[in-house]
Amino acid sequence: MLSNFLGRHYRELAGNWTPTVGVWGAMGPVGLVWATGWRLILDWVPYNNGKFKKDN
């Protein structure tokens, strides 16, 4: 139904933008980890949580 409404032109435009949206979508989480600090995010990953123990 949506493809009938949008037409061929807009489907082609969406196909052209797919790689760009994919790259920006992948860089979003990487930017989030960079902005918040890698330890804050990677403490939730089981392997890294055990690898980087804090000495109290």
N, C-alpha and C. Protein backbone atom coordinates (compact mmCIF):
# COMPACT_ATOMS: atom_id res chain seq x y z
N MET A 1 0.82 -1.18 0.00
CA MET A 1 0.00 0.00 0.00
C MET A 1 0.87 1.26 0.00
N LEU A 2 1.91 1.24 0.80
CA LEU A 2 2.79 2.41 0.88
C LEU A 2 3.52 2.65 -0.43
N SER A 3 3.95 1.58 -1.10
CA SER A 3 4.66 1.75 -2.36
C SER A 3 3.74 2.31 -3.44
N ASN A 4 2.47 1.98 -3.42
CA ASN A 4 1.52 2.56 -4.37
C ASN A 4 1.31 4.04 -4.11
N PHE A 5 1.35 4.44 -2.86
CA PHE A 5 1.13 5.83 -2.49
C PHE A 5 2.34 6.70 -2.83
N LEU A 6 3.54 6.20 -2.57
CA LEU A 6 4.75 7.01 -2.77
C LEU A 6 5.18 7.06 -4.23
N GLY A 7 5.10 5.97 -4.93
CA GLY A 7 5.48 5.96 -6.33
C GLY A 7 6.94 5.56 -6.53
N ARG A 8 7.30 5.38 -7.80
CA ARG A 8 8.63 4.88 -8.17
C ARG A 8 9.73 5.88 -7.82
N HIS A 9 9.48 7.14 -8.02
CA HIS A 9 10.50 8.17 -7.78
C HIS A 9 10.98 8.15 -6.33
N TYR A 10 10.06 8.07 -5.40
CA TYR A 10 10.43 8.11 -3.99
C TYR A 10 11.08 6.80 -3.54
N ARG A 11 10.71 5.69 -4.16
CA ARG A 11 11.39 4.43 -3.85
C ARG A 11 12.83 4.49 -4.31
N GLU A 12 13.09 5.12 -5.46
CA GLU A 12 14.48 5.27 -5.93
C GLU A 12 15.27 6.18 -5.01
N LEU A 13 14.65 7.26 -4.58
CA LEU A 13 15.34 8.17 -3.63
C LEU A 13 15.66 7.45 -2.32
N ALA A 14 14.74 6.65 -1.83
CA ALA A 14 14.99 5.91 -0.59
C ALA A 14 16.12 4.91 -0.79
N GLY A 15 16.19 4.30 -1.97
CA GLY A 15 17.28 3.36 -2.24
C GLY A 15 18.63 4.05 -2.30
N ASN A 16 18.65 5.29 -2.78
CA ASN A 16 19.91 6.05 -2.83
C ASN A 16 20.37 6.47 -1.43
N TRP A 17 19.44 6.71 -0.53
CA TRP A 17 19.79 7.17 0.81
C TRP A 17 20.07 6.04 1.78
N THR A 18 19.80 4.81 1.40
CA THR A 18 19.98 3.68 2.31
C THR A 18 21.41 3.54 2.84
N PRO A 19 22.46 3.62 2.00
CA PRO A 19 23.82 3.52 2.56
C PRO A 19 24.16 4.65 3.52
N THR A 20 23.71 5.85 3.22
CA THR A 20 23.99 7.00 4.08
C THR A 20 23.32 6.83 5.44
N VAL A 21 22.08 6.42 5.42
CA VAL A 21 21.35 6.20 6.67
C VAL A 21 22.00 5.07 7.47
N GLY A 22 22.50 4.05 6.78
CA GLY A 22 23.18 2.96 7.47
C GLY A 22 24.45 3.40 8.16
N VAL A 23 25.23 4.24 7.49
CA VAL A 23 26.48 4.73 8.09
C VAL A 23 26.19 5.63 9.28
N TRP A 24 25.25 6.56 9.14
CA TRP A 24 24.90 7.43 10.25
C TRP A 24 24.29 6.63 11.40
N GLY A 25 23.52 5.59 11.07
CA GLY A 25 22.94 4.75 12.12
C GLY A 25 23.99 3.96 12.87
N ALA A 26 25.05 3.57 12.19
CA ALA A 26 26.14 2.85 12.86
C ALA A 26 27.01 3.80 13.67
N MET A 27 27.18 5.01 13.20
CA MET A 27 28.04 5.97 13.91
C MET A 27 27.35 6.56 15.13
N GLY A 28 26.04 6.50 15.20
CA GLY A 28 25.33 7.03 16.36
C GLY A 28 25.74 6.36 17.66
N PRO A 29 25.67 5.02 17.74
CA PRO A 29 26.12 4.36 18.97
C PRO A 29 27.60 4.57 19.27
N VAL A 30 28.43 4.63 18.23
CA VAL A 30 29.86 4.87 18.45
C VAL A 30 30.06 6.26 19.04
N GLY A 31 29.34 7.24 18.54
CA GLY A 31 29.41 8.60 19.09
C GLY A 31 28.89 8.66 20.51
N LEU A 32 27.87 7.89 20.80
CA LEU A 32 27.34 7.85 22.17
C LEU A 32 28.38 7.30 23.14
N VAL A 33 29.06 6.23 22.75
CA VAL A 33 30.11 5.66 23.60
C VAL A 33 31.24 6.65 23.78
N TRP A 34 31.61 7.35 22.72
CA TRP A 34 32.69 8.33 22.80
C TRP A 34 32.30 9.49 23.71
N ALA A 35 31.07 9.97 23.60
CA ALA A 35 30.64 11.15 24.36
C ALA A 35 30.44 10.82 25.84
N THR A 36 30.00 9.61 26.16
CA THR A 36 29.70 9.29 27.56
C THR A 36 30.87 8.65 28.28
N GLY A 37 31.84 8.19 27.55
CA GLY A 37 32.96 7.51 28.19
C GLY A 37 32.84 6.02 27.99
N TRP A 38 33.88 5.41 27.55
CA TRP A 38 33.84 4.00 27.18
C TRP A 38 33.60 3.10 28.37
N ARG A 39 34.07 3.48 29.56
CA ARG A 39 33.89 2.63 30.74
C ARG A 39 32.43 2.55 31.16
N LEU A 40 31.70 3.66 31.04
CA LEU A 40 30.29 3.68 31.43
C LEU A 40 29.48 2.69 30.61
N ILE A 41 29.73 2.64 29.30
CA ILE A 41 28.98 1.74 28.42
C ILE A 41 29.54 0.33 28.48
N LEU A 42 30.86 0.17 28.43
CA LEU A 42 31.45 -1.16 28.34
C LEU A 42 31.43 -1.92 29.66
N ASP A 43 31.08 -1.28 30.75
CA ASP A 43 30.89 -2.03 32.00
C ASP A 43 29.69 -2.97 31.90
N TRP A 44 28.78 -2.72 30.98
CA TRP A 44 27.62 -3.58 30.78
C TRP A 44 27.95 -4.79 29.91
N VAL A 45 29.09 -4.79 29.21
CA VAL A 45 29.49 -5.92 28.38
C VAL A 45 30.18 -6.93 29.28
N PRO A 46 29.72 -8.17 29.31
CA PRO A 46 30.27 -9.13 30.28
C PRO A 46 31.79 -9.32 30.18
N TYR A 47 32.34 -9.42 28.98
CA TYR A 47 33.78 -9.65 28.84
C TYR A 47 34.58 -8.48 29.38
N ASN A 48 34.20 -7.27 29.00
CA ASN A 48 34.93 -6.10 29.45
C ASN A 48 34.69 -5.80 30.92
N ASN A 49 33.55 -6.18 31.44
CA ASN A 49 33.26 -5.96 32.86
C ASN A 49 34.24 -6.74 33.72
N GLY A 50 34.61 -7.95 33.29
CA GLY A 50 35.57 -8.73 34.06
C GLY A 50 37.00 -8.35 33.79
N LYS A 51 37.27 -7.81 32.61
CA LYS A 51 38.63 -7.48 32.21
C LYS A 51 39.15 -6.23 32.90
N PHE A 52 38.28 -5.25 33.11
CA PHE A 52 38.70 -3.97 33.67
C PHE A 52 38.11 -3.78 35.07
N LYS A 53 38.56 -4.58 35.99
CA LYS A 53 38.09 -4.45 37.38
C LYS A 53 38.77 -3.26 38.04
N LYS A 54 38.00 -2.56 38.86
CA LYS A 54 38.54 -1.43 39.61
C LYS A 54 39.15 -1.95 40.91
N ASP A 55 40.32 -1.43 41.26
CA ASP A 55 40.97 -1.79 42.52
C ASP A 55 40.50 -0.82 43.60
N ASN A 56 39.73 -1.31 44.55
CA ASN A 56 39.24 -0.45 45.61
C ASN A 56 40.07 -0.58 46.85
